[in-house]
Amino acid sequence: MLTEDKKKMLEYYNEGLKLYKEMKFKEALKVFKIALKHDPQDGPTRLYIARCIELNKNPPPPDWDGVFTMTTK
């Protein structure tokens, strides 16, 4: 059974993922940060926060297919 915090986190995570796929990285970042408040240890949320920060700095082309290419190890 999921806790209320976990349910809220998943709700915000899914909304952030939707925005991310729509290339709305600033909005997605805000939503992922809210999700993280409900579950600070959630790895996927932390990953998408880092990706949103990077993609805000270096936006992908308009025909982006959603694939994230790591530039550092």
C-alpha atoms as a PDB file:
ATOM      1  CA  MET A   1       0.000   0.000   0.000  1.00  0.00           C
ATOM      2  CA  LEU A   2       1.302   3.434  -0.929  1.00  0.00           C
ATOM      3  CA  THR A   3       1.585   6.212   1.616  1.00  0.00           C
ATOM      4  CA  GLU A   4      -0.135   9.526   0.951  1.00  0.00           C
ATOM      5  CA  ASP A   5       3.268  11.129   0.319  1.00  0.00           C
ATOM      6  CA  LYS A   6       4.146   8.459  -2.244  1.00  0.00           C
ATOM      7  CA  LYS A   7       0.785   8.917  -3.991  1.00  0.00           C
ATOM      8  CA  LYS A   8       1.334  12.680  -4.162  1.00  0.00           C
ATOM      9  CA  MET A   9       4.890  12.182  -5.395  1.00  0.00           C
ATOM     10  CA  LEU A  10       3.672   9.908  -8.199  1.00  0.00           C
ATOM     11  CA  GLU A  11       0.980  12.402  -9.150  1.00  0.00           C
ATOM     12  CA  TYR A  12       3.512  15.223  -9.474  1.00  0.00           C
ATOM     13  CA  TYR A  13       6.101  12.954 -11.102  1.00  0.00           C
ATOM     14  CA  ASN A  14       3.647  11.951 -13.837  1.00  0.00           C
ATOM     15  CA  GLU A  15       2.712  15.588 -14.438  1.00  0.00           C
ATOM     16  CA  GLY A  16       6.404  16.515 -14.628  1.00  0.00           C
ATOM     17  CA  LEU A  17       7.056  13.691 -17.067  1.00  0.00           C
ATOM     18  CA  LYS A  18       4.212  14.889 -19.291  1.00  0.00           C
ATOM     19  CA  LEU A  19       5.668  18.407 -19.341  1.00  0.00           C
ATOM     20  CA  TYR A  20       9.162  17.031 -19.981  1.00  0.00           C
ATOM     21  CA  LYS A  21       7.939  15.082 -23.011  1.00  0.00           C
ATOM     22  CA  GLU A  22       6.284  18.272 -24.272  1.00  0.00           C
ATOM     23  CA  MET A  23       9.713  19.989 -24.002  1.00  0.00           C
ATOM     24  CA  LYS A  24       8.410  22.332 -21.278  1.00  0.00           C
ATOM     25  CA  PHE A  25      11.530  21.878 -19.177  1.00  0.00           C
ATOM     26  CA  LYS A  26      11.138  24.907 -16.882  1.00  0.00           C
ATOM     27  CA  GLU A  27       7.604  23.911 -15.957  1.00  0.00           C
ATOM     28  CA  ALA A  28       8.612  20.262 -15.584  1.00  0.00           C
ATOM     29  CA  LEU A  29      11.472  21.244 -13.272  1.00  0.00           C
ATOM     30  CA  LYS A  30       9.074  23.062 -10.938  1.00  0.00           C
ATOM     31  CA  VAL A  31       6.739  20.068 -10.796  1.00  0.00           C
ATOM     32  CA  PHE A  32       9.559  17.548 -10.267  1.00  0.00           C
ATOM     33  CA  LYS A  33      10.822  19.660  -7.351  1.00  0.00           C
ATOM     34  CA  ILE A  34       7.377  19.475  -5.762  1.00  0.00           C
ATOM     35  CA  ALA A  35       7.380  15.695  -6.288  1.00  0.00           C
ATOM     36  CA  LEU A  36      10.760  15.470  -4.578  1.00  0.00           C
ATOM     37  CA  LYS A  37       9.367  17.190  -1.470  1.00  0.00           C
ATOM     38  CA  HIS A  38       7.006  14.232  -1.069  1.00  0.00           C
ATOM     39  CA  ASP A  39       9.777  11.638  -1.511  1.00  0.00           C
ATOM     40  CA  PRO A  40      13.273  13.187  -1.228  1.00  0.00           C
ATOM     41  CA  GLN A  41      14.995   9.869  -1.998  1.00  0.00           C
ATOM     42  CA  ASP A  42      13.225   9.170  -5.306  1.00  0.00           C
ATOM     43  CA  GLY A  43      15.930   8.472  -7.876  1.00  0.00           C
ATOM     44  CA  PRO A  44      13.912   8.964 -11.087  1.00  0.00           C
ATOM     45  CA  THR A  45      12.666  12.353  -9.898  1.00  0.00           C
ATOM     46  CA  ARG A  46      16.226  13.436  -9.095  1.00  0.00           C
ATOM     47  CA  LEU A  47      17.338  12.254 -12.545  1.00  0.00           C
ATOM     48  CA  TYR A  48      14.662  14.263 -14.337  1.00  0.00           C
ATOM     49  CA  ILE A  49      15.462  17.346 -12.273  1.00  0.00           C
ATOM     50  CA  ALA A  50      19.082  17.108 -13.434  1.00  0.00           C
ATOM     51  CA  ARG A  51      17.984  16.584 -17.036  1.00  0.00           C
ATOM     52  CA  CYS A  52      15.601  19.544 -16.928  1.00  0.00           C
ATOM     53  CA  ILE A  53      18.387  21.772 -15.626  1.00  0.00           C
ATOM     54  CA  GLU A  54      20.701  20.607 -18.418  1.00  0.00           C
ATOM     55  CA  LEU A  55      18.048  20.911 -21.134  1.00  0.00           C
ATOM     56  CA  ASN A  56      17.146  24.418 -19.968  1.00  0.00           C
ATOM     57  CA  LYS A  57      20.809  25.378 -20.438  1.00  0.00           C
ATOM     58  CA  ASN A  58      21.192  23.516 -23.742  1.00  0.00           C
ATOM     59  CA  PRO A  59      17.776  23.093 -25.371  1.00  0.00           C
ATOM     60  CA  PRO A  60      17.309  20.227 -27.801  1.00  0.00           C
ATOM     61  CA  PRO A  61      16.296  20.821 -31.437  1.00  0.00           C
ATOM     62  CA  PRO A  62      12.585  21.202 -32.236  1.00  0.00           C
ATOM     63  CA  ASP A  63      12.479  17.686 -33.695  1.00  0.00           C
ATOM     64  CA  TRP A  64      13.890  16.151 -30.487  1.00  0.00           C
ATOM     65  CA  ASP A  65      12.814  12.529 -30.022  1.00  0.00           C
ATOM     66  CA  GLY A  66      13.193  12.502 -26.238  1.00  0.00           C
ATOM     67  CA  VAL A  67      16.520  10.692 -26.181  1.00  0.00           C
ATOM     68  CA  PHE A  68      18.915  12.227 -23.660  1.00  0.00           C
ATOM     69  CA  THR A  69      22.575  12.072 -24.626  1.00  0.00           C
ATOM     70  CA  MET A  70      24.979  12.217 -21.706  1.00  0.00           C
ATOM     71  CA  THR A  71      27.809  14.680 -22.285  1.00  0.00           C
ATOM     72  CA  THR A  72      29.900  13.709 -19.242  1.00  0.00           C
ATOM     73  CA  LYS A  73      30.511  10.559 -17.302  1.00  0.00           C
END
